[in-house]
Amino acid sequence: MPVKFKVLQRKNPQDILAPEKFYAAAIADGETDLERLAELISYQCTVTEADCYAVLMSLEHNIIGELNEGRIVKLGRLGNGKDTAEEVSSSVIKKNRILFRPGKKMRNLLSTLSYKKVS
């Protein structure tokens, strides 16, 4: 099933005076939570749904802990603009990325972070 997208016009943050460009932006088609992921994973292996959920909860906890320590968290294998809206089509999408919206625990981490300048 193809990913739906719309065309958005955006400014260049590095050059505010430059003309705006047009970009393809994916449109979400629902959402999946940890419970659903645990269910899906359990169907694909011999691990129970409860065990999968426990591992995913532990993953969430450890990601937050590592971010709190200032580390970059990599999860395995997990654009350029156009001058006119008409130039943006599915054929110009060369690369995609995940837009991450943090959950409550991670938002709490972000609100309590402190910073230390290093030389």
PDB file of N, CA and C in Angstrom:
ATOM      1  N   MET A   1       0.849  -1.182   0.000  1.00  0.00           N
ATOM      2  CA  MET A   1       0.000   0.000   0.000  1.00  0.00           C
ATOM      3  C   MET A   1       0.894   1.244   0.000  1.00  0.00           C
ATOM      4  N   PRO A   2       0.666   2.176  -0.905  1.00  0.00           N
ATOM      5  CA  PRO A   2       1.526   3.367  -0.974  1.00  0.00           C
ATOM      6  C   PRO A   2       1.289   4.320   0.210  1.00  0.00           C
ATOM      7  N   VAL A   3       2.344   5.021   0.570  1.00  0.00           N
ATOM      8  CA  VAL A   3       2.263   6.037   1.627  1.00  0.00           C
ATOM      9  C   VAL A   3       1.669   7.306   1.013  1.00  0.00           C
ATOM     10  N   LYS A   4       0.660   7.869   1.649  1.00  0.00           N
ATOM     11  CA  LYS A   4       0.031   9.104   1.167  1.00  0.00           C
ATOM     12  C   LYS A   4       0.914  10.291   1.543  1.00  0.00           C
ATOM     13  N   PHE A   5       0.945  11.304   0.676  1.00  0.00           N
ATOM     14  CA  PHE A   5       1.707  12.508   0.989  1.00  0.00           C
ATOM     15  C   PHE A   5       0.983  13.739   0.490  1.00  0.00           C
ATOM     16  N   LYS A   6       1.339  14.879   1.060  1.00  0.00           N
ATOM     17  CA  LYS A   6       0.831  16.159   0.589  1.00  0.00           C
ATOM     18  C   LYS A   6       2.030  17.067   0.352  1.00  0.00           C
ATOM     19  N   VAL A   7       1.813  18.152  -0.357  1.00  0.00           N
ATOM     20  CA  VAL A   7       2.879  19.092  -0.683  1.00  0.00           C
ATOM     21  C   VAL A   7       2.819  20.257   0.295  1.00  0.00           C
ATOM     22  N   LEU A   8       3.968  20.537   0.938  1.00  0.00           N
ATOM     23  CA  LEU A   8       4.071  21.656   1.879  1.00  0.00           C
ATOM     24  C   LEU A   8       5.129  22.638   1.413  1.00  0.00           C
ATOM     25  N   GLN A   9       4.854  23.921   1.615  1.00  0.00           N
ATOM     26  CA  GLN A   9       5.806  24.971   1.290  1.00  0.00           C
ATOM     27  C   GLN A   9       6.522  25.366   2.571  1.00  0.00           C
ATOM     28  N   ARG A  10       7.875  25.400   2.545  1.00  0.00           N
ATOM     29  CA  ARG A  10       8.654  25.715   3.746  1.00  0.00           C
ATOM     30  C   ARG A  10       9.793  26.662   3.432  1.00  0.00           C
ATOM     31  N   LYS A  11      10.137  27.459   4.446  1.00  0.00           N
ATOM     32  CA  LYS A  11      11.288  28.360   4.349  1.00  0.00           C
ATOM     33  C   LYS A  11      12.569  27.579   4.614  1.00  0.00           C
ATOM     34  N   ASN A  12      13.679  28.089   4.113  1.00  0.00           N
ATOM     35  CA  ASN A  12      14.996  27.535   4.396  1.00  0.00           C
ATOM     36  C   ASN A  12      15.455  28.128   5.725  1.00  0.00           C
ATOM     37  N   PRO A  13      15.596  27.337   6.793  1.00  0.00           N
ATOM     38  CA  PRO A  13      15.980  27.896   8.090  1.00  0.00           C
ATOM     39  C   PRO A  13      17.380  28.508   8.095  1.00  0.00           C
ATOM     40  N   GLN A  14      18.220  28.116   7.121  1.00  0.00           N
ATOM     41  CA  GLN A  14      19.574  28.665   7.044  1.00  0.00           C
ATOM     42  C   GLN A  14      19.613  29.977   6.260  1.00  0.00           C
ATOM     43  N   ASP A  15      18.571  30.250   5.492  1.00  0.00           N
ATOM     44  CA  ASP A  15      18.502  31.486   4.710  1.00  0.00           C
ATOM     45  C   ASP A  15      17.039  31.926   4.636  1.00  0.00           C
ATOM     46  N   ILE A  16      16.613  32.683   5.635  1.00  0.00           N
ATOM     47  CA  ILE A  16      15.219  33.111   5.753  1.00  0.00           C
ATOM     48  C   ILE A  16      14.765  33.928   4.538  1.00  0.00           C
ATOM     49  N   LEU A  17      15.675  34.626   3.892  1.00  0.00           N
ATOM     50  CA  LEU A  17      15.322  35.473   2.758  1.00  0.00           C
ATOM     51  C   LEU A  17      15.199  34.699   1.447  1.00  0.00           C
ATOM     52  N   ALA A  18      15.679  33.475   1.401  1.00  0.00           N
ATOM     53  CA  ALA A  18      15.600  32.669   0.185  1.00  0.00           C
ATOM     54  C   ALA A  18      14.134  32.325  -0.111  1.00  0.00           C
ATOM     55  N   PRO A  19      13.811  32.134  -1.375  1.00  0.00           N
ATOM     56  CA  PRO A  19      12.432  31.761  -1.712  1.00  0.00           C
ATOM     57  C   PRO A  19      12.071  30.417  -1.064  1.00  0.00           C
ATOM     58  N   GLU A  20      10.811  30.290  -0.696  1.00  0.00           N
ATOM     59  CA  GLU A  20      10.359  29.038  -0.108  1.00  0.00           C
ATOM     60  C   GLU A  20      10.406  27.931  -1.155  1.00  0.00           C
ATOM     61  N   LYS A  21      10.586  26.693  -0.678  1.00  0.00           N
ATOM     62  CA  LYS A  21      10.601  25.519  -1.559  1.00  0.00           C
ATOM     63  C   LYS A  21       9.443  24.616  -1.174  1.00  0.00           C
ATOM     64  N   PHE A  22       9.156  23.659  -2.034  1.00  0.00           N
ATOM     65  CA  PHE A  22       8.050  22.732  -1.812  1.00  0.00           C
ATOM     66  C   PHE A  22       8.591  21.340  -1.505  1.00  0.00           C
ATOM     67  N   TYR A  23       7.980  20.685  -0.526  1.00  0.00           N
ATOM     68  CA  TYR A  23       8.435  19.372  -0.065  1.00  0.00           C
ATOM     69  C   TYR A  23       7.259  18.407   0.023  1.00  0.00           C
ATOM     70  N   ALA A  24       7.557  17.128  -0.191  1.00  0.00           N
ATOM     71  CA  ALA A  24       6.567  16.085   0.026  1.00  0.00           C
ATOM     72  C   ALA A  24       6.574  15.742   1.518  1.00  0.00           C
ATOM     73  N   ALA A  25       5.399  15.678   2.141  1.00  0.00           N
ATOM     74  CA  ALA A  25       5.269  15.335   3.557  1.00  0.00           C
ATOM     75  C   ALA A  25       4.277  14.191   3.701  1.00  0.00           C
ATOM     76  N   ALA A  26       4.722  13.103   4.325  1.00  0.00           N
ATOM     77  CA  ALA A  26       3.862  11.929   4.494  1.00  0.00           C
ATOM     78  C   ALA A  26       2.672  12.260   5.392  1.00  0.00           C
ATOM     79  N   ILE A  27       1.559  11.600   5.114  1.00  0.00           N
ATOM     80  CA  ILE A  27       0.353  11.744   5.921  1.00  0.00           C
ATOM     81  C   ILE A  27       0.165  10.440   6.687  1.00  0.00           C
ATOM     82  N   ALA A  28       0.098  10.538   8.012  1.00  0.00           N
ATOM     83  CA  ALA A  28      -0.064   9.345   8.847  1.00  0.00           C
ATOM     84  C   ALA A  28      -1.418   8.687   8.594  1.00  0.00           C
ATOM     85  N   ASP A  29      -1.442   7.373   8.732  1.00  0.00           N
ATOM     86  CA  ASP A  29      -2.667   6.613   8.519  1.00  0.00           C
ATOM     87  C   ASP A  29      -2.924   5.757   9.760  1.00  0.00           C
ATOM     88  N   GLY A  30      -3.143   6.411  10.895  1.00  0.00           N
ATOM     89  CA  GLY A  30      -3.374   5.710  12.159  1.00  0.00           C
ATOM     90  C   GLY A  30      -2.107   5.653  13.001  1.00  0.00           C
ATOM     91  N   GLU A  31      -2.186   4.904  14.099  1.00  0.00           N
ATOM     92  CA  GLU A  31      -1.023   4.747  14.971  1.00  0.00           C
ATOM     93  C   GLU A  31      -1.026   3.363  15.594  1.00  0.00           C
ATOM     94  N   THR A  32       0.142   2.940  16.056  1.00  0.00           N
ATOM     95  CA  THR A  32       0.319   1.642  16.692  1.00  0.00           C
ATOM     96  C   THR A  32       1.003   1.853  18.026  1.00  0.00           C
ATOM     97  N   ASP A  33       0.512   1.208  19.087  1.00  0.00           N
ATOM     98  CA  ASP A  33       1.110   1.354  20.414  1.00  0.00           C
ATOM     99  C   ASP A  33       1.925   0.116  20.788  1.00  0.00           C
ATOM    100  N   LEU A  34       2.544   0.132  21.985  1.00  0.00           N
ATOM    101  CA  LEU A  34       3.378  -0.983  22.414  1.00  0.00           C
ATOM    102  C   LEU A  34       2.594  -2.286  22.514  1.00  0.00           C
ATOM    103  N   GLU A  35       1.350  -2.210  22.953  1.00  0.00           N
ATOM    104  CA  GLU A  35       0.544  -3.425  23.061  1.00  0.00           C
ATOM    105  C   GLU A  35       0.349  -4.075  21.689  1.00  0.00           C
ATOM    106  N   ARG A  36       0.060  -3.271  20.693  1.00  0.00           N
ATOM    107  CA  ARG A  36      -0.129  -3.801  19.333  1.00  0.00           C
ATOM    108  C   ARG A  36       1.176  -4.370  18.795  1.00  0.00           C
ATOM    109  N   LEU A  37       2.295  -3.667  19.033  1.00  0.00           N
ATOM    110  CA  LEU A  37       3.591  -4.183  18.585  1.00  0.00           C
ATOM    111  C   LEU A  37       3.897  -5.517  19.251  1.00  0.00           C
ATOM    112  N   ALA A  38       3.623  -5.632  20.550  1.00  0.00           N
ATOM    113  CA  ALA A  38       3.861  -6.888  21.263  1.00  0.00           C
ATOM    114  C   ALA A  38       3.022  -8.009  20.656  1.00  0.00           C
ATOM    115  N   GLU A  39       1.780  -7.707  20.332  1.00  0.00           N
ATOM    116  CA  GLU A  39       0.901  -8.701  19.716  1.00  0.00           C
ATOM    117  C   GLU A  39       1.450  -9.143  18.356  1.00  0.00           C
ATOM    118  N   LEU A  40       1.841  -8.180  17.528  1.00  0.00           N
ATOM    119  CA  LEU A  40       2.366  -8.497  16.201  1.00  0.00           C
ATOM    120  C   LEU A  40       3.640  -9.339  16.294  1.00  0.00           C
ATOM    121  N   ILE A  41       4.550  -8.942  17.176  1.00  0.00           N
ATOM    122  CA  ILE A  41       5.809  -9.670  17.336  1.00  0.00           C
ATOM    123  C   ILE A  41       5.551 -11.091  17.813  1.00  0.00           C
ATOM    124  N   SER A  42       4.619 -11.250  18.756  1.00  0.00           N
ATOM    125  CA  SER A  42       4.354 -12.587  19.298  1.00  0.00           C
ATOM    126  C   SER A  42       3.836 -13.546  18.225  1.00  0.00           C
ATOM    127  N   TYR A  43       3.157 -13.032  17.199  1.00  0.00           N
ATOM    128  CA  TYR A  43       2.675 -13.876  16.103  1.00  0.00           C
ATOM    129  C   TYR A  43       3.811 -14.310  15.179  1.00  0.00           C
ATOM    130  N   GLN A  44       4.944 -13.608  15.249  1.00  0.00           N
ATOM    131  CA  GLN A  44       6.049 -13.868  14.325  1.00  0.00           C
ATOM    132  C   GLN A  44       7.174 -14.679  14.947  1.00  0.00           C
ATOM    133  N   CYS A  45       7.018 -15.083  16.198  1.00  0.00           N
ATOM    134  CA  CYS A  45       8.077 -15.835  16.865  1.00  0.00           C
ATOM    135  C   CYS A  45       7.471 -16.715  17.957  1.00  0.00           C
ATOM    136  N   THR A  46       8.316 -17.346  18.755  1.00  0.00           N
ATOM    137  CA  THR A  46       7.829 -18.246  19.802  1.00  0.00           C
ATOM    138  C   THR A  46       7.691 -17.562  21.157  1.00  0.00           C
ATOM    139  N   VAL A  47       7.934 -16.261  21.212  1.00  0.00           N
ATOM    140  CA  VAL A  47       7.847 -15.510  22.467  1.00  0.00           C
ATOM    141  C   VAL A  47       6.395 -15.084  22.692  1.00  0.00           C
ATOM    142  N   THR A  48       5.946 -15.105  23.943  1.00  0.00           N
ATOM    143  CA  THR A  48       4.561 -14.734  24.238  1.00  0.00           C
ATOM    144  C   THR A  48       4.372 -13.234  24.100  1.00  0.00           C
ATOM    145  N   GLU A  49       3.118 -12.838  23.950  1.00  0.00           N
ATOM    146  CA  GLU A  49       2.782 -11.420  23.853  1.00  0.00           C
ATOM    147  C   GLU A  49       3.224 -10.670  25.109  1.00  0.00           C
ATOM    148  N   ALA A  50       3.014 -11.269  26.288  1.00  0.00           N
ATOM    149  CA  ALA A  50       3.410 -10.630  27.551  1.00  0.00           C
ATOM    150  C   ALA A  50       4.925 -10.432  27.621  1.00  0.00           C
ATOM    151  N   ASP A  51       5.686 -11.421  27.158  1.00  0.00           N
ATOM    152  CA  ASP A  51       7.146 -11.291  27.145  1.00  0.00           C
ATOM    153  C   ASP A  51       7.588 -10.200  26.175  1.00  0.00           C
ATOM    154  N   CYS A  52       6.959 -10.147  25.020  1.00  0.00           N
ATOM    155  CA  CYS A  52       7.276  -9.101  24.043  1.00  0.00           C
ATOM    156  C   CYS A  52       6.999  -7.721  24.634  1.00  0.00           C
ATOM    157  N   TYR A  53       5.852  -7.586  25.295  1.00  0.00           N
ATOM    158  CA  TYR A  53       5.485  -6.308  25.902  1.00  0.00           C
ATOM    159  C   TYR A  53       6.510  -5.924  26.975  1.00  0.00           C
ATOM    160  N   ALA A  54       6.948  -6.884  27.785  1.00  0.00           N
ATOM    161  CA  ALA A  54       7.945  -6.608  28.825  1.00  0.00           C
ATOM    162  C   ALA A  54       9.256  -6.105  28.207  1.00  0.00           C
ATOM    163  N   VAL A  55       9.663  -6.719  27.123  1.00  0.00           N
ATOM    164  CA  VAL A  55      10.901  -6.295  26.452  1.00  0.00           C
ATOM    165  C   VAL A  55      10.739  -4.888  25.881  1.00  0.00           C
ATOM    166  N   LEU A  56       9.588  -4.612  25.260  1.00  0.00           N
ATOM    167  CA  LEU A  56       9.354  -3.275  24.695  1.00  0.00           C
ATOM    168  C   LEU A  56       9.314  -2.208  25.789  1.00  0.00           C
ATOM    169  N   MET A  57       8.719  -2.529  26.930  1.00  0.00           N
ATOM    170  CA  MET A  57       8.689  -1.580  28.053  1.00  0.00           C
ATOM    171  C   MET A  57      10.110  -1.334  28.574  1.00  0.00           C
ATOM    172  N   SER A  58      10.907  -2.392  28.631  1.00  0.00           N
ATOM    173  CA  SER A  58      12.297  -2.255  29.048  1.00  0.00           C
ATOM    174  C   SER A  58      13.086  -1.413  28.043  1.00  0.00           C
ATOM    175  N   LEU A  59      12.803  -1.601  26.760  1.00  0.00           N
ATOM    176  CA  LEU A  59      13.441  -0.795  25.717  1.00  0.00           C
ATOM    177  C   LEU A  59      13.127   0.681  25.921  1.00  0.00           C
ATOM    178  N   GLU A  60      11.855   0.984  26.139  1.00  0.00           N
ATOM    179  CA  GLU A  60      11.442   2.369  26.381  1.00  0.00           C
ATOM    180  C   GLU A  60      12.180   2.952  27.585  1.00  0.00           C
ATOM    181  N   HIS A  61      12.206   2.206  28.679  1.00  0.00           N
ATOM    182  CA  HIS A  61      12.868   2.658  29.915  1.00  0.00           C
ATOM    183  C   HIS A  61      14.356   2.940  29.669  1.00  0.00           C
ATOM    184  N   ASN A  62      15.019   2.035  28.957  1.00  0.00           N
ATOM    185  CA  ASN A  62      16.454   2.188  28.717  1.00  0.00           C
ATOM    186  C   ASN A  62      16.772   3.281  27.708  1.00  0.00           C
ATOM    187  N   ILE A  63      15.923   3.476  26.720  1.00  0.00           N
ATOM    188  CA  ILE A  63      16.132   4.591  25.782  1.00  0.00           C
ATOM    189  C   ILE A  63      16.078   5.907  26.535  1.00  0.00           C
ATOM    190  N   ILE A  64      15.083   6.062  27.395  1.00  0.00           N
ATOM    191  CA  ILE A  64      14.954   7.297  28.178  1.00  0.00           C
ATOM    192  C   ILE A  64      16.180   7.487  29.068  1.00  0.00           C
ATOM    193  N   GLY A  65      16.638   6.414  29.704  1.00  0.00           N
ATOM    194  CA  GLY A  65      17.830   6.495  30.551  1.00  0.00           C
ATOM    195  C   GLY A  65      19.075   6.895  29.779  1.00  0.00           C
ATOM    196  N   GLU A  66      19.261   6.312  28.605  1.00  0.00           N
ATOM    197  CA  GLU A  66      20.434   6.632  27.793  1.00  0.00           C
ATOM    198  C   GLU A  66      20.386   8.068  27.273  1.00  0.00           C
ATOM    199  N   LEU A  67      19.200   8.522  26.852  1.00  0.00           N
ATOM    200  CA  LEU A  67      19.052   9.914  26.420  1.00  0.00           C
ATOM    201  C   LEU A  67      19.348  10.864  27.572  1.00  0.00           C
ATOM    202  N   ASN A  68      18.907  10.488  28.757  1.00  0.00           N
ATOM    203  CA  ASN A  68      19.153  11.306  29.948  1.00  0.00           C
ATOM    204  C   ASN A  68      20.648  11.411  30.249  1.00  0.00           C
ATOM    205  N   GLU A  69      21.421  10.421  29.839  1.00  0.00           N
ATOM    206  CA  GLU A  69      22.879  10.436  30.021  1.00  0.00           C
ATOM    207  C   GLU A  69      23.581  11.182  28.888  1.00  0.00           C
ATOM    208  N   GLY A  70      22.798  11.709  27.936  1.00  0.00           N
ATOM    209  CA  GLY A  70      23.372  12.482  26.831  1.00  0.00           C
ATOM    210  C   GLY A  70      23.856  11.629  25.676  1.00  0.00           C
ATOM    211  N   ARG A  71      23.468  10.377  25.635  1.00  0.00           N
ATOM    212  CA  ARG A  71      23.911   9.479  24.576  1.00  0.00           C
ATOM    213  C   ARG A  71      22.945   9.515  23.384  1.00  0.00           C
ATOM    214  N   ILE A  72      23.467   9.212  22.225  1.00  0.00           N
ATOM    215  CA  ILE A  72      22.651   9.037  21.027  1.00  0.00           C
ATOM    216  C   ILE A  72      22.170   7.599  21.033  1.00  0.00           C
ATOM    217  N   VAL A  73      20.883   7.385  20.814  1.00  0.00           N
ATOM    218  CA  VAL A  73      20.323   6.035  20.782  1.00  0.00           C
ATOM    219  C   VAL A  73      20.036   5.667  19.335  1.00  0.00           C
ATOM    220  N   LYS A  74      20.661   4.602  18.862  1.00  0.00           N
ATOM    221  CA  LYS A  74      20.436   4.109  17.504  1.00  0.00           C
ATOM    222  C   LYS A  74      19.653   2.820  17.597  1.00  0.00           C
ATOM    223  N   LEU A  75      18.611   2.706  16.784  1.00  0.00           N
ATOM    224  CA  LEU A  75      17.756   1.518  16.803  1.00  0.00           C
ATOM    225  C   LEU A  75      17.916   0.733  15.499  1.00  0.00           C
ATOM    226  N   GLY A  76      19.088   0.208  15.306  1.00  0.00           N
ATOM    227  CA  GLY A  76      19.318  -0.671  14.161  1.00  0.00           C
ATOM    228  C   GLY A  76      19.163   0.019  12.832  1.00  0.00           C
ATOM    229  N   ARG A  77      18.364  -0.634  11.958  1.00  0.00           N
ATOM    230  CA  ARG A  77      18.250  -0.137  10.586  1.00  0.00           C
ATOM    231  C   ARG A  77      17.077   0.804  10.403  1.00  0.00           C
ATOM    232  N   LEU A  78      16.619   0.835  11.837  1.00  0.00           N
ATOM    233  CA  LEU A  78      15.443   1.704  11.724  1.00  0.00           C
ATOM    234  C   LEU A  78      15.831   3.123  11.062  1.00  0.00           C
ATOM    235  N   GLY A  79      15.036  15.874   2.695  1.00  0.00           N
ATOM    236  CA  GLY A  79      14.841  16.062   1.274  1.00  0.00           C
ATOM    237  C   GLY A  79      15.055  17.485   0.679  1.00  0.00           C
ATOM    238  N   ASN A  80      15.191  17.135  -0.274  1.00  0.00           N
ATOM    239  CA  ASN A  80      15.387  18.446  -0.944  1.00  0.00           C
ATOM    240  C   ASN A  80      14.071  19.007  -1.497  1.00  0.00           C
ATOM    241  N   GLY A  81      13.955  20.346  -1.482  1.00  0.00           N
ATOM    242  CA  GLY A  81      12.722  20.992  -1.927  1.00  0.00           C
ATOM    243  C   GLY A  81      12.688  21.315  -3.408  1.00  0.00           C
ATOM    244  N   LYS A  82      11.504  21.613  -3.902  1.00  0.00           N
ATOM    245  CA  LYS A  82      11.292  22.010  -5.296  1.00  0.00           C
ATOM    246  C   LYS A  82      10.792  23.450  -5.330  1.00  0.00           C
ATOM    247  N   ASP A  83      10.962  24.096  -6.472  1.00  0.00           N
ATOM    248  CA  ASP A  83      10.582  25.502  -6.598  1.00  0.00           C
ATOM    249  C   ASP A  83       9.077  25.711  -6.733  1.00  0.00           C
ATOM    250  N   THR A  84       8.363  24.726  -7.279  1.00  0.00           N
ATOM    251  CA  THR A  84       6.913  24.856  -7.431  1.00  0.00           C
ATOM    252  C   THR A  84       6.218  23.600  -6.907  1.00  0.00           C
ATOM    253  N   ALA A  85       4.965  23.756  -6.511  1.00  0.00           N
ATOM    254  CA  ALA A  85       4.185  22.627  -6.007  1.00  0.00           C
ATOM    255  C   ALA A  85       3.975  21.576  -7.099  1.00  0.00           C
ATOM    256  N   GLU A  86       3.891  21.983  -8.339  1.00  0.00           N
ATOM    257  CA  GLU A  86       3.647  21.061  -9.441  1.00  0.00           C
ATOM    258  C   GLU A  86       4.805  20.092  -9.653  1.00  0.00           C
ATOM    259  N   GLU A  87       6.011  20.486  -9.246  1.00  0.00           N
ATOM    260  CA  GLU A  87       7.183  19.634  -9.421  1.00  0.00           C
ATOM    261  C   GLU A  87       7.236  18.489  -8.402  1.00  0.00           C
ATOM    262  N   VAL A  88       6.419  18.551  -7.367  1.00  0.00           N
ATOM    263  CA  VAL A  88       6.455  17.536  -6.314  1.00  0.00           C
ATOM    264  C   VAL A  88       5.486  16.413  -6.667  1.00  0.00           C
ATOM    265  N   SER A  89       6.043  15.223  -6.869  1.00  0.00           N
ATOM    266  CA  SER A  89       5.239  14.029  -7.146  1.00  0.00           C
ATOM    267  C   SER A  89       5.905  12.848  -6.453  1.00  0.00           C
ATOM    268  N   SER A  90       5.291  11.687  -6.517  1.00  0.00           N
ATOM    269  CA  SER A  90       5.868  10.519  -5.858  1.00  0.00           C
ATOM    270  C   SER A  90       7.231  10.156  -6.443  1.00  0.00           C
ATOM    271  N   SER A  91       7.499  10.502  -7.682  1.00  0.00           N
ATOM    272  CA  SER A  91       8.777  10.146  -8.310  1.00  0.00           C
ATOM    273  C   SER A  91       9.954  10.955  -7.754  1.00  0.00           C
ATOM    274  N   VAL A  92       9.706  12.079  -7.101  1.00  0.00           N
ATOM    275  CA  VAL A  92      10.807  12.885  -6.564  1.00  0.00           C
ATOM    276  C   VAL A  92      11.170  12.493  -5.133  1.00  0.00           C
ATOM    277  N   ILE A  93      10.437  11.581  -4.540  1.00  0.00           N
ATOM    278  CA  ILE A  93      10.741  11.150  -3.172  1.00  0.00           C
ATOM    279  C   ILE A  93      11.872  10.133  -3.246  1.00  0.00           C
ATOM    280  N   LYS A  94      13.065  10.553  -2.855  1.00  0.00           N
ATOM    281  CA  LYS A  94      14.255   9.710  -2.942  1.00  0.00           C
ATOM    282  C   LYS A  94      14.635   9.120  -1.592  1.00  0.00           C
ATOM    283  N   LYS A  95      14.189   9.738  -0.522  1.00  0.00           N
ATOM    284  CA  LYS A  95      14.597   9.335   0.813  1.00  0.00           C
ATOM    285  C   LYS A  95      13.431   9.568   1.755  1.00  0.00           C
ATOM    286  N   ASN A  96      13.332   8.749   2.790  1.00  0.00           N
ATOM    287  CA  ASN A  96      12.296   8.970   3.783  1.00  0.00           C
ATOM    288  C   ASN A  96      12.909   8.942   5.166  1.00  0.00           C
ATOM    289  N   ARG A  97      12.167   9.402   6.157  1.00  0.00           N
ATOM    290  CA  ARG A  97      12.656   9.422   7.534  1.00  0.00           C
ATOM    291  C   ARG A  97      11.474   9.275   8.464  1.00  0.00           C
ATOM    292  N   ILE A  98      11.770   8.950   9.701  1.00  0.00           N
ATOM    293  CA  ILE A  98      10.743   8.784  10.712  1.00  0.00           C
ATOM    294  C   ILE A  98      10.625  10.076  11.504  1.00  0.00           C
ATOM    295  N   LEU A  99       9.428  10.603  11.618  1.00  0.00           N
ATOM    296  CA  LEU A  99       9.177  11.731  12.499  1.00  0.00           C
ATOM    297  C   LEU A  99       8.722  11.158  13.825  1.00  0.00           C
ATOM    298  N   PHE A 100       9.454  11.460  14.862  1.00  0.00           N
ATOM    299  CA  PHE A 100       9.208  10.857  16.166  1.00  0.00           C
ATOM    300  C   PHE A 100       8.525  11.848  17.080  1.00  0.00           C
ATOM    301  N   ARG A 101       7.422  11.435  17.657  1.00  0.00           N
ATOM    302  CA  ARG A 101       6.727  12.256  18.643  1.00  0.00           C
ATOM    303  C   ARG A 101       6.866  11.553  19.984  1.00  0.00           C
ATOM    304  N   PRO A 102       7.595  12.159  20.925  1.00  0.00           N
ATOM    305  CA  PRO A 102       7.845  11.479  22.196  1.00  0.00           C
ATOM    306  C   PRO A 102       6.575  11.295  23.024  1.00  0.00           C
ATOM    307  N   GLY A 103       6.516  10.169  23.752  1.00  0.00           N
ATOM    308  CA  GLY A 103       5.422   9.890  24.667  1.00  0.00           C
ATOM    309  C   GLY A 103       5.600  10.619  25.983  1.00  0.00           C
ATOM    310  N   LYS A 104       4.699  10.376  26.933  1.00  0.00           N
ATOM    311  CA  LYS A 104       4.669  11.105  28.198  1.00  0.00           C
ATOM    312  C   LYS A 104       5.983  10.974  28.977  1.00  0.00           C
ATOM    313  N   LYS A 105       6.516   9.758  29.089  1.00  0.00           N
ATOM    314  CA  LYS A 105       7.755   9.563  29.849  1.00  0.00           C
ATOM    315  C   LYS A 105       8.913  10.329  29.228  1.00  0.00           C
ATOM    316  N   MET A 106       9.012  10.304  27.912  1.00  0.00           N
ATOM    317  CA  MET A 106      10.107  11.006  27.261  1.00  0.00           C
ATOM    318  C   MET A 106       9.892  12.519  27.311  1.00  0.00           C
ATOM    319  N   ARG A 107       8.648  12.986  27.217  1.00  0.00           N
ATOM    320  CA  ARG A 107       8.387  14.429  27.366  1.00  0.00           C
ATOM    321  C   ARG A 107       8.786  14.885  28.765  1.00  0.00           C
ATOM    322  N   ASN A 108       8.522  14.057  29.777  1.00  0.00           N
ATOM    323  CA  ASN A 108       8.951  14.392  31.139  1.00  0.00           C
ATOM    324  C   ASN A 108      10.464  14.507  31.210  1.00  0.00           C
ATOM    325  N   LEU A 109      11.181  13.576  30.567  1.00  0.00           N
ATOM    326  CA  LEU A 109      12.642  13.650  30.523  1.00  0.00           C
ATOM    327  C   LEU A 109      13.074  14.968  29.897  1.00  0.00           C
ATOM    328  N   LEU A 110      12.477  15.340  28.783  1.00  0.00           N
ATOM    329  CA  LEU A 110      12.866  16.559  28.081  1.00  0.00           C
ATOM    330  C   LEU A 110      12.624  17.802  28.924  1.00  0.00           C
ATOM    331  N   SER A 111      11.591  17.771  29.758  1.00  0.00           N
ATOM    332  CA  SER A 111      11.295  18.952  30.571  1.00  0.00           C
ATOM    333  C   SER A 111      12.205  19.073  31.784  1.00  0.00           C
ATOM    334  N   THR A 112      12.927  18.014  32.133  1.00  0.00           N
ATOM    335  CA  THR A 112      13.789  18.059  33.326  1.00  0.00           C
ATOM    336  C   THR A 112      15.283  18.011  33.000  1.00  0.00           C
ATOM    337  N   LEU A 113      15.638  18.040  31.712  1.00  0.00           N
ATOM    338  CA  LEU A 113      17.048  17.976  31.338  1.00  0.00           C
ATOM    339  C   LEU A 113      17.796  19.202  31.828  1.00  0.00           C
ATOM    340  N   SER A 114      19.048  18.997  32.181  1.00  0.00           N
ATOM    341  CA  SER A 114      19.953  20.113  32.460  1.00  0.00           C
ATOM    342  C   SER A 114      21.139  19.992  31.505  1.00  0.00           C
ATOM    343  N   TYR A 115      21.858  21.076  31.309  1.00  0.00           N
ATOM    344  CA  TYR A 115      22.921  21.094  30.322  1.00  0.00           C
ATOM    345  C   TYR A 115      24.218  21.548  30.960  1.00  0.00           C
ATOM    346  N   LYS A 116      25.344  21.018  30.456  1.00  0.00           N
ATOM    347  CA  LYS A 116      26.668  21.354  30.958  1.00  0.00           C
ATOM    348  C   LYS A 116      27.585  21.612  29.762  1.00  0.00           C
ATOM    349  N   LYS A 117      28.159  22.797  29.712  1.00  0.00           N
ATOM    350  CA  LYS A 117      29.049  23.142  28.607  1.00  0.00           C
ATOM    351  C   LYS A 117      30.390  22.474  28.831  1.00  0.00           C
ATOM    352  N   VAL A 118      30.919  21.882  27.748  1.00  0.00           N
ATOM    353  CA  VAL A 118      32.247  21.253  27.814  1.00  0.00           C
ATOM    354  C   VAL A 118      33.187  21.995  26.906  1.00  0.00           C
ATOM    355  N   SER A 119      34.466  21.935  27.230  1.00  0.00           N
ATOM    356  CA  SER A 119      35.436  22.659  26.386  1.00  0.00           C
ATOM    357  C   SER A 119      36.203  21.717  25.505  1.00  0.00           C
TER     358      SER A 119
END
